[in-house]
Amino acid sequence: MQEPSPRPPTLRLMQAGTAGEREILEAFLDFYRDVLVHKVRGIDDDAAQRQLLPSPTTLIGLVKHLTVVERNWFHRLTDTIPDVPLESEPTPSWTIIDTDTLDRALAAYDQACAQSRTAATGFALGDVVSHPDMGQVSLRWIYIHMIEETARHTGHADILRELTDGATGILG
């Protein structure tokens, strides 16, 4: 059986092997964003909301949480978010409410990622922004933190998806 051709973020990551620092950081972050989306596609809302662990971690909760994380970090560049810690969000990102659907969560995540890409445009990696708890952080730090955060939670999604229906693999 022939392997499917790589999706654009996967291809971009493979082509970034000798690219500049920013292109590599962006390629890795987009790769993990894409993997997360592919991990949750193809399941219904009940499966996405199913709590399979003692913690409140669910597939839809992971998408909602990473949406908040995108907004909390990149949107700081354009001052489009209030300086509030994640715990004080009106609806904590891990909490599932009646109106939550996977389609809505993925649309919000896609929008937050697009806004993050736009917010980063025009800033150099060494440019800094203020953070209420850390003082200042550079765009470079934000990229690295977001790669770490997105990859870690994508790993959680990988395990939850396997527990849900047995699907495994980077884009499965």
N, C-alpha and C. Protein backbone atom coordinates (compact mmCIF):
# COMPACT_ATOMS: atom_id res chain seq x y z
N MET A 1 0.84 -1.18 0.00
CA MET A 1 0.00 0.00 0.00
C MET A 1 0.89 1.24 0.00
N GLN A 2 0.56 2.20 -0.83
CA GLN A 2 1.33 3.44 -0.93
C GLN A 2 0.90 4.42 0.14
N GLU A 3 1.89 5.07 0.78
CA GLU A 3 1.61 6.10 1.80
C GLU A 3 0.91 7.28 1.14
N PRO A 4 -0.07 7.88 1.83
CA PRO A 4 -0.69 9.09 1.28
C PRO A 4 0.33 10.21 1.21
N SER A 5 0.14 11.09 0.25
CA SER A 5 1.07 12.21 0.13
C SER A 5 0.93 13.12 1.35
N PRO A 6 2.03 13.76 1.76
CA PRO A 6 1.98 14.62 2.95
C PRO A 6 1.01 15.79 2.78
N ARG A 7 0.34 16.13 3.85
CA ARG A 7 -0.52 17.31 3.87
C ARG A 7 0.39 18.54 3.90
N PRO A 8 -0.11 19.71 3.53
CA PRO A 8 0.74 20.91 3.45
C PRO A 8 1.63 21.18 4.67
N PRO A 9 1.13 21.15 5.92
CA PRO A 9 2.05 21.41 7.04
C PRO A 9 3.14 20.34 7.17
N THR A 10 2.80 19.09 6.86
CA THR A 10 3.80 18.04 6.91
C THR A 10 4.86 18.28 5.85
N LEU A 11 4.41 18.60 4.66
CA LEU A 11 5.34 18.89 3.57
C LEU A 11 6.19 20.11 3.91
N ARG A 12 5.56 21.13 4.45
CA ARG A 12 6.29 22.35 4.84
C ARG A 12 7.36 22.02 5.88
N LEU A 13 7.04 21.15 6.83
CA LEU A 13 8.00 20.76 7.85
C LEU A 13 9.17 20.02 7.23
N MET A 14 8.89 19.13 6.30
CA MET A 14 9.96 18.36 5.65
C MET A 14 10.85 19.28 4.81
N GLN A 15 10.28 20.31 4.23
CA GLN A 15 11.05 21.22 3.39
C GLN A 15 11.81 22.27 4.19
N ALA A 16 11.53 22.39 5.49
CA ALA A 16 12.14 23.43 6.31
C ALA A 16 13.45 22.99 6.97
N GLY A 17 13.97 21.84 6.58
CA GLY A 17 15.16 21.29 7.22
C GLY A 17 16.36 22.21 7.24
N THR A 18 16.50 23.05 6.24
CA THR A 18 17.65 23.97 6.19
C THR A 18 17.19 25.42 6.12
N ALA A 19 15.95 25.65 6.48
CA ALA A 19 15.38 27.00 6.42
C ALA A 19 15.90 27.86 7.56
N GLY A 20 15.51 29.11 7.56
CA GLY A 20 15.86 30.01 8.64
C GLY A 20 15.08 29.67 9.91
N GLU A 21 15.52 30.27 11.01
CA GLU A 21 14.94 29.95 12.32
C GLU A 21 13.43 30.17 12.36
N ARG A 22 12.96 31.29 11.88
CA ARG A 22 11.53 31.59 11.95
C ARG A 22 10.72 30.61 11.13
N GLU A 23 11.17 30.32 9.93
CA GLU A 23 10.43 29.38 9.09
C GLU A 23 10.37 28.00 9.74
N ILE A 24 11.43 27.59 10.39
CA ILE A 24 11.43 26.29 11.08
C ILE A 24 10.45 26.32 12.25
N LEU A 25 10.48 27.38 13.05
CA LEU A 25 9.56 27.48 14.18
C LEU A 25 8.10 27.47 13.70
N GLU A 26 7.80 28.24 12.67
CA GLU A 26 6.44 28.28 12.14
C GLU A 26 6.03 26.93 11.57
N ALA A 27 6.95 26.26 10.89
CA ALA A 27 6.64 24.95 10.29
C ALA A 27 6.33 23.92 11.37
N PHE A 28 7.12 23.90 12.45
CA PHE A 28 6.85 22.94 13.52
C PHE A 28 5.52 23.24 14.21
N LEU A 29 5.24 24.51 14.48
CA LEU A 29 3.99 24.85 15.14
C LEU A 29 2.80 24.50 14.25
N ASP A 30 2.85 24.84 12.97
CA ASP A 30 1.75 24.50 12.07
C ASP A 30 1.59 22.99 11.93
N PHE A 31 2.69 22.26 11.96
CA PHE A 31 2.62 20.80 11.90
C PHE A 31 1.81 20.26 13.07
N TYR A 32 2.14 20.68 14.28
CA TYR A 32 1.42 20.17 15.45
C TYR A 32 -0.01 20.67 15.51
N ARG A 33 -0.26 21.87 15.03
CA ARG A 33 -1.65 22.35 14.93
C ARG A 33 -2.44 21.42 14.01
N ASP A 34 -1.84 21.07 12.88
CA ASP A 34 -2.51 20.21 11.91
C ASP A 34 -2.72 18.80 12.47
N VAL A 35 -1.72 18.27 13.16
CA VAL A 35 -1.87 16.93 13.73
C VAL A 35 -3.02 16.91 14.73
N LEU A 36 -3.12 17.94 15.58
CA LEU A 36 -4.22 18.00 16.54
C LEU A 36 -5.56 17.93 15.82
N VAL A 37 -5.73 18.73 14.80
CA VAL A 37 -6.99 18.75 14.06
C VAL A 37 -7.29 17.37 13.47
N HIS A 38 -6.27 16.73 12.91
CA HIS A 38 -6.49 15.41 12.32
C HIS A 38 -6.77 14.34 13.38
N LYS A 39 -6.29 14.54 14.58
CA LYS A 39 -6.55 13.59 15.67
C LYS A 39 -8.01 13.59 16.08
N VAL A 40 -8.69 14.71 15.95
CA VAL A 40 -10.08 14.78 16.41
C VAL A 40 -11.10 14.69 15.28
N ARG A 41 -10.67 14.80 14.04
CA ARG A 41 -11.60 14.70 12.92
C ARG A 41 -12.15 13.26 12.82
N GLY A 42 -13.39 13.17 12.39
CA GLY A 42 -13.96 11.85 12.14
C GLY A 42 -14.63 11.20 13.33
N ILE A 43 -14.72 11.91 14.44
CA ILE A 43 -15.45 11.36 15.58
C ILE A 43 -16.65 12.25 15.86
N ASP A 44 -17.63 11.69 16.53
CA ASP A 44 -18.83 12.49 16.81
C ASP A 44 -18.65 13.29 18.10
N ASP A 45 -19.61 14.16 18.36
CA ASP A 45 -19.52 15.04 19.53
C ASP A 45 -19.49 14.25 20.84
N ASP A 46 -20.26 13.16 20.92
CA ASP A 46 -20.26 12.37 22.15
C ASP A 46 -18.87 11.80 22.42
N ALA A 47 -18.22 11.28 21.39
CA ALA A 47 -16.87 10.73 21.57
C ALA A 47 -15.88 11.83 21.91
N ALA A 48 -16.04 13.01 21.30
CA ALA A 48 -15.13 14.13 21.56
C ALA A 48 -15.28 14.64 22.99
N GLN A 49 -16.45 14.47 23.57
CA GLN A 49 -16.70 14.97 24.92
C GLN A 49 -16.50 13.90 26.00
N ARG A 50 -16.25 12.67 25.58
CA ARG A 50 -16.14 11.56 26.52
C ARG A 50 -14.89 11.71 27.39
N GLN A 51 -15.10 11.62 28.69
CA GLN A 51 -14.00 11.71 29.65
C GLN A 51 -13.48 10.30 29.90
N LEU A 52 -12.26 10.04 29.43
CA LEU A 52 -11.66 8.71 29.53
C LEU A 52 -10.58 8.63 30.60
N LEU A 53 -10.31 9.74 31.24
CA LEU A 53 -9.25 9.82 32.25
C LEU A 53 -9.85 10.38 33.53
N PRO A 54 -9.15 10.23 34.66
CA PRO A 54 -9.64 10.83 35.90
C PRO A 54 -9.70 12.36 35.83
N SER A 55 -8.86 12.97 35.02
CA SER A 55 -8.87 14.42 34.86
C SER A 55 -9.98 14.81 33.89
N PRO A 56 -10.31 16.10 33.77
CA PRO A 56 -11.36 16.53 32.84
C PRO A 56 -10.88 16.59 31.38
N THR A 57 -9.75 16.01 31.07
CA THR A 57 -9.19 16.04 29.71
C THR A 57 -10.06 15.24 28.75
N THR A 58 -10.52 15.91 27.69
CA THR A 58 -11.29 15.27 26.63
C THR A 58 -10.74 15.78 25.31
N LEU A 59 -11.11 15.13 24.23
CA LEU A 59 -10.64 15.60 22.92
C LEU A 59 -11.13 17.01 22.63
N ILE A 60 -12.40 17.29 22.88
CA ILE A 60 -12.91 18.64 22.62
C ILE A 60 -12.28 19.63 23.61
N GLY A 61 -12.05 19.20 24.83
CA GLY A 61 -11.40 20.05 25.82
C GLY A 61 -10.00 20.44 25.40
N LEU A 62 -9.27 19.51 24.78
CA LEU A 62 -7.93 19.83 24.28
C LEU A 62 -7.98 20.90 23.21
N VAL A 63 -8.95 20.79 22.30
CA VAL A 63 -9.10 21.79 21.24
C VAL A 63 -9.45 23.14 21.86
N LYS A 64 -10.41 23.14 22.79
CA LYS A 64 -10.81 24.39 23.43
C LYS A 64 -9.63 25.00 24.20
N HIS A 65 -8.88 24.17 24.91
CA HIS A 65 -7.75 24.67 25.69
C HIS A 65 -6.69 25.29 24.78
N LEU A 66 -6.36 24.61 23.70
CA LEU A 66 -5.34 25.16 22.80
C LEU A 66 -5.83 26.41 22.08
N THR A 67 -7.12 26.56 21.91
CA THR A 67 -7.67 27.82 21.37
C THR A 67 -7.39 28.96 22.33
N VAL A 68 -7.64 28.73 23.61
CA VAL A 68 -7.38 29.75 24.64
C VAL A 68 -5.89 30.05 24.71
N VAL A 69 -5.06 29.02 24.61
CA VAL A 69 -3.61 29.21 24.69
C VAL A 69 -3.11 30.04 23.51
N GLU A 70 -3.62 29.76 22.31
CA GLU A 70 -3.26 30.57 21.13
C GLU A 70 -3.57 32.04 21.40
N ARG A 71 -4.77 32.29 21.89
CA ARG A 71 -5.19 33.67 22.14
C ARG A 71 -4.36 34.31 23.26
N ASN A 72 -4.04 33.53 24.27
CA ASN A 72 -3.30 34.04 25.41
C ASN A 72 -1.88 34.47 25.03
N TRP A 73 -1.28 33.81 24.07
CA TRP A 73 0.12 34.14 23.75
C TRP A 73 0.26 35.02 22.52
N PHE A 74 -0.16 34.58 21.36
CA PHE A 74 0.08 35.35 20.14
C PHE A 74 -0.73 36.65 20.10
N HIS A 75 -1.92 36.62 20.63
CA HIS A 75 -2.77 37.80 20.53
C HIS A 75 -2.27 38.91 21.45
N ARG A 76 -1.35 38.56 22.34
CA ARG A 76 -0.68 39.55 23.18
C ARG A 76 0.12 40.54 22.30
N LEU A 77 0.56 40.06 21.14
CA LEU A 77 1.34 40.90 20.24
C LEU A 77 0.53 42.10 19.74
N THR A 78 -0.78 41.93 19.64
CA THR A 78 -1.62 43.00 19.11
C THR A 78 -2.56 43.57 20.17
N ASP A 79 -2.32 43.20 21.41
CA ASP A 79 -3.15 43.68 22.52
C ASP A 79 -4.62 43.39 22.30
N THR A 80 -4.93 42.21 21.74
CA THR A 80 -6.33 41.88 21.49
C THR A 80 -6.91 40.98 22.57
N ILE A 81 -6.16 40.74 23.65
CA ILE A 81 -6.70 39.96 24.76
C ILE A 81 -6.48 40.72 26.05
N PRO A 82 -7.34 40.53 27.02
CA PRO A 82 -7.09 41.14 28.33
C PRO A 82 -5.99 40.36 29.05
N ASP A 83 -5.27 41.00 29.93
CA ASP A 83 -4.23 40.32 30.71
C ASP A 83 -4.86 39.58 31.87
N VAL A 84 -5.42 38.41 31.57
CA VAL A 84 -6.02 37.58 32.61
C VAL A 84 -5.43 36.19 32.52
N PRO A 85 -5.22 35.54 33.66
CA PRO A 85 -4.71 34.17 33.60
C PRO A 85 -5.76 33.22 33.04
N LEU A 86 -5.31 32.09 32.50
CA LEU A 86 -6.22 31.14 31.89
C LEU A 86 -7.30 30.66 32.86
N GLU A 87 -6.97 30.54 34.15
CA GLU A 87 -7.93 30.02 35.12
C GLU A 87 -9.13 30.94 35.29
N SER A 88 -9.01 32.20 34.92
CA SER A 88 -10.12 33.12 35.14
C SER A 88 -10.97 33.32 33.88
N GLU A 89 -10.77 32.48 32.87
CA GLU A 89 -11.62 32.54 31.70
C GLU A 89 -13.08 32.35 32.14
N PRO A 90 -14.05 33.01 31.50
CA PRO A 90 -15.45 32.84 31.90
C PRO A 90 -15.87 31.37 31.88
N THR A 91 -15.46 30.64 30.86
CA THR A 91 -15.70 29.20 30.79
C THR A 91 -14.33 28.55 30.68
N PRO A 92 -13.88 27.90 31.76
CA PRO A 92 -12.56 27.27 31.68
C PRO A 92 -12.47 26.37 30.45
N SER A 93 -11.32 26.38 29.82
CA SER A 93 -11.18 25.69 28.55
C SER A 93 -11.44 24.19 28.63
N TRP A 94 -11.27 23.60 29.77
CA TRP A 94 -11.48 22.15 29.89
C TRP A 94 -12.94 21.79 30.14
N THR A 95 -13.76 22.78 30.48
CA THR A 95 -15.16 22.53 30.82
C THR A 95 -15.98 22.38 29.55
N ILE A 96 -16.78 21.32 29.51
CA ILE A 96 -17.67 21.10 28.37
C ILE A 96 -19.04 21.67 28.74
N ILE A 97 -19.59 22.48 27.82
CA ILE A 97 -20.92 23.04 28.04
C ILE A 97 -21.85 22.51 26.95
N ASP A 98 -23.16 22.68 27.17
CA ASP A 98 -24.16 22.11 26.27
C ASP A 98 -24.00 22.52 24.82
N THR A 99 -23.53 23.73 24.58
CA THR A 99 -23.43 24.22 23.20
C THR A 99 -22.13 23.82 22.51
N ASP A 100 -21.24 23.12 23.22
CA ASP A 100 -19.97 22.70 22.61
C ASP A 100 -20.19 21.59 21.59
N THR A 101 -19.67 21.83 20.41
CA THR A 101 -19.61 20.78 19.38
C THR A 101 -18.19 20.77 18.87
N LEU A 102 -17.81 19.65 18.31
CA LEU A 102 -16.46 19.55 17.76
C LEU A 102 -16.28 20.51 16.60
N ASP A 103 -17.30 20.64 15.76
CA ASP A 103 -17.20 21.58 14.63
C ASP A 103 -16.98 23.01 15.11
N ARG A 104 -17.72 23.42 16.12
CA ARG A 104 -17.54 24.78 16.66
C ARG A 104 -16.16 24.96 17.28
N ALA A 105 -15.73 23.96 18.03
CA ALA A 105 -14.41 24.04 18.68
C ALA A 105 -13.30 24.11 17.63
N LEU A 106 -13.41 23.31 16.58
CA LEU A 106 -12.39 23.33 15.52
C LEU A 106 -12.42 24.64 14.74
N ALA A 107 -13.61 25.19 14.51
CA ALA A 107 -13.70 26.48 13.83
C ALA A 107 -13.06 27.58 14.67
N ALA A 108 -13.31 27.56 15.97
CA ALA A 108 -12.70 28.56 16.86
C ALA A 108 -11.19 28.39 16.90
N TYR A 109 -10.72 27.14 16.92
CA TYR A 109 -9.28 26.88 16.93
C TYR A 109 -8.64 27.35 15.62
N ASP A 110 -9.27 27.04 14.52
CA ASP A 110 -8.76 27.48 13.22
C ASP A 110 -8.68 29.00 13.15
N GLN A 111 -9.71 29.67 13.64
CA GLN A 111 -9.72 31.14 13.65
C GLN A 111 -8.62 31.68 14.57
N ALA A 112 -8.45 31.10 15.74
CA ALA A 112 -7.41 31.56 16.67
C ALA A 112 -6.03 31.37 16.07
N CYS A 113 -5.80 30.23 15.39
CA CYS A 113 -4.49 29.99 14.76
C CYS A 113 -4.24 30.98 13.63
N ALA A 114 -5.26 31.26 12.83
CA ALA A 114 -5.12 32.24 11.75
C ALA A 114 -4.81 33.62 12.32
N GLN A 115 -5.51 33.99 13.40
CA GLN A 115 -5.24 35.27 14.04
C GLN A 115 -3.84 35.31 14.64
N SER A 116 -3.38 34.18 15.15
CA SER A 116 -2.02 34.11 15.70
C SER A 116 -0.99 34.34 14.61
N ARG A 117 -1.19 33.70 13.46
CA ARG A 117 -0.26 33.89 12.34
C ARG A 117 -0.22 35.36 11.93
N THR A 118 -1.40 35.97 11.84
CA THR A 118 -1.48 37.39 11.47
C THR A 118 -0.81 38.26 12.51
N ALA A 119 -1.06 37.97 13.78
CA ALA A 119 -0.48 38.78 14.87
C ALA A 119 1.04 38.74 14.83
N ALA A 120 1.62 37.59 14.49
CA ALA A 120 3.08 37.46 14.48
C ALA A 120 3.73 38.16 13.29
N THR A 121 2.95 38.39 12.24
CA THR A 121 3.49 39.06 11.06
C THR A 121 3.97 40.46 11.43
N GLY A 122 5.12 40.82 10.98
CA GLY A 122 5.62 42.16 11.26
C GLY A 122 6.46 42.25 12.52
N PHE A 123 6.52 41.18 13.30
CA PHE A 123 7.35 41.16 14.49
C PHE A 123 8.57 40.29 14.22
N ALA A 124 9.71 40.74 14.68
CA ALA A 124 10.93 39.94 14.60
C ALA A 124 10.95 38.97 15.78
N LEU A 125 11.69 37.88 15.63
CA LEU A 125 11.77 36.89 16.70
C LEU A 125 12.25 37.47 18.02
N GLY A 126 13.09 38.48 17.96
CA GLY A 126 13.61 39.09 19.18
C GLY A 126 12.74 40.18 19.78
N ASP A 127 11.67 40.56 19.08
CA ASP A 127 10.77 41.58 19.62
C ASP A 127 10.09 41.03 20.88
N VAL A 128 9.89 41.91 21.86
CA VAL A 128 9.31 41.48 23.13
C VAL A 128 7.97 42.16 23.38
N VAL A 129 7.14 41.47 24.14
CA VAL A 129 5.86 42.01 24.59
C VAL A 129 5.76 41.74 26.09
N SER A 130 4.93 42.52 26.74
CA SER A 130 4.78 42.35 28.18
C SER A 130 3.85 41.18 28.48
N HIS A 131 4.11 40.57 29.63
CA HIS A 131 3.29 39.48 30.12
C HIS A 131 3.05 39.73 31.60
N PRO A 132 1.82 39.57 32.08
CA PRO A 132 1.52 39.93 33.46
C PRO A 132 2.29 39.14 34.51
N ASP A 133 2.67 37.92 34.20
CA ASP A 133 3.37 37.09 35.17
C ASP A 133 4.87 36.98 34.91
N MET A 134 5.29 37.18 33.67
CA MET A 134 6.68 36.93 33.30
C MET A 134 7.47 38.20 32.99
N GLY A 135 6.84 39.32 33.02
CA GLY A 135 7.54 40.54 32.65
C GLY A 135 7.48 40.73 31.15
N GLN A 136 8.51 40.25 30.47
CA GLN A 136 8.54 40.33 29.01
C GLN A 136 8.90 38.98 28.42
N VAL A 137 8.36 38.72 27.25
CA VAL A 137 8.70 37.51 26.49
C VAL A 137 8.92 37.92 25.04
N SER A 138 9.81 37.21 24.38
CA SER A 138 10.06 37.48 22.96
C SER A 138 9.13 36.64 22.10
N LEU A 139 8.99 37.05 20.85
CA LEU A 139 8.22 36.25 19.90
C LEU A 139 8.86 34.87 19.78
N ARG A 140 10.18 34.80 19.80
CA ARG A 140 10.88 33.50 19.75
C ARG A 140 10.41 32.61 20.89
N TRP A 141 10.34 33.17 22.12
CA TRP A 141 9.90 32.41 23.28
C TRP A 141 8.46 31.93 23.09
N ILE A 142 7.61 32.81 22.54
CA ILE A 142 6.22 32.43 22.31
C ILE A 142 6.14 31.26 21.34
N TYR A 143 6.89 31.33 20.24
CA TYR A 143 6.88 30.21 19.29
C TYR A 143 7.32 28.91 19.96
N ILE A 144 8.41 28.95 20.69
CA ILE A 144 8.92 27.73 21.32
C ILE A 144 7.93 27.21 22.36
N HIS A 145 7.37 28.10 23.15
CA HIS A 145 6.38 27.67 24.14
C HIS A 145 5.16 27.07 23.45
N MET A 146 4.70 27.69 22.38
CA MET A 146 3.52 27.17 21.68
C MET A 146 3.79 25.83 21.01
N ILE A 147 4.99 25.63 20.50
CA ILE A 147 5.34 24.31 19.95
C ILE A 147 5.27 23.27 21.06
N GLU A 148 5.87 23.59 22.21
CA GLU A 148 5.87 22.67 23.35
C GLU A 148 4.45 22.38 23.81
N GLU A 149 3.67 23.42 23.99
CA GLU A 149 2.30 23.27 24.50
C GLU A 149 1.44 22.49 23.51
N THR A 150 1.52 22.83 22.23
CA THR A 150 0.69 22.16 21.22
C THR A 150 1.12 20.71 21.03
N ALA A 151 2.42 20.46 21.00
CA ALA A 151 2.90 19.08 20.85
C ALA A 151 2.50 18.22 22.05
N ARG A 152 2.61 18.77 23.25
CA ARG A 152 2.27 18.02 24.46
C ARG A 152 0.79 17.64 24.43
N HIS A 153 -0.07 18.60 24.13
CA HIS A 153 -1.49 18.30 24.12
C HIS A 153 -1.91 17.47 22.91
N THR A 154 -1.18 17.56 21.83
CA THR A 154 -1.44 16.69 20.68
C THR A 154 -1.11 15.24 21.05
N GLY A 155 -0.09 15.05 21.87
CA GLY A 155 0.21 13.71 22.38
C GLY A 155 -0.92 13.18 23.24
N HIS A 156 -1.51 14.05 24.05
CA HIS A 156 -2.67 13.64 24.83
C HIS A 156 -3.82 13.25 23.90
N ALA A 157 -4.04 14.04 22.85
CA ALA A 157 -5.10 13.73 21.89
C ALA A 157 -4.84 12.40 21.21
N ASP A 158 -3.59 12.10 20.93
CA ASP A 158 -3.22 10.83 20.31
C ASP A 158 -3.68 9.66 21.18
N ILE A 159 -3.40 9.76 22.47
CA ILE A 159 -3.79 8.69 23.40
C ILE A 159 -5.31 8.60 23.53
N LEU A 160 -5.97 9.76 23.68
CA LEU A 160 -7.42 9.75 23.81
C LEU A 160 -8.10 9.20 22.56
N ARG A 161 -7.57 9.54 21.39
CA ARG A 161 -8.17 9.03 20.15
C ARG A 161 -8.00 7.52 20.07
N GLU A 162 -6.84 7.02 20.45
CA GLU A 162 -6.64 5.57 20.43
C GLU A 162 -7.61 4.88 21.41
N LEU A 163 -7.80 5.49 22.59
CA LEU A 163 -8.75 4.93 23.54
C LEU A 163 -10.19 5.02 23.04
N THR A 164 -10.48 6.02 22.22
CA THR A 164 -11.84 6.24 21.72
C THR A 164 -12.21 5.21 20.65
N ASP A 165 -11.38 5.07 19.63
CA ASP A 165 -11.75 4.18 18.52
C ASP A 165 -10.59 3.39 17.93
N GLY A 166 -9.45 3.46 18.58
CA GLY A 166 -8.30 2.68 18.10
C GLY A 166 -7.47 3.35 17.03
N ALA A 167 -7.85 4.54 16.58
CA ALA A 167 -7.09 5.22 15.51
C ALA A 167 -5.73 5.64 16.06
N THR A 168 -4.71 5.36 15.26
CA THR A 168 -3.33 5.73 15.63
C THR A 168 -2.65 6.37 14.43
N GLY A 169 -1.47 6.90 14.66
CA GLY A 169 -0.69 7.50 13.59
C GLY A 169 -0.69 9.00 13.67
N ILE A 170 0.29 9.60 13.03
CA ILE A 170 0.46 11.05 13.11
C ILE A 170 -0.76 11.80 12.59
N LEU A 171 -1.28 11.40 11.46
CA LEU A 171 -2.43 12.11 10.89
C LEU A 171 -3.69 11.26 10.93
N GLY A 172 -3.71 10.26 11.78
CA GLY A 172 -4.88 9.39 11.87
C GLY A 172 -5.58 9.50 13.18
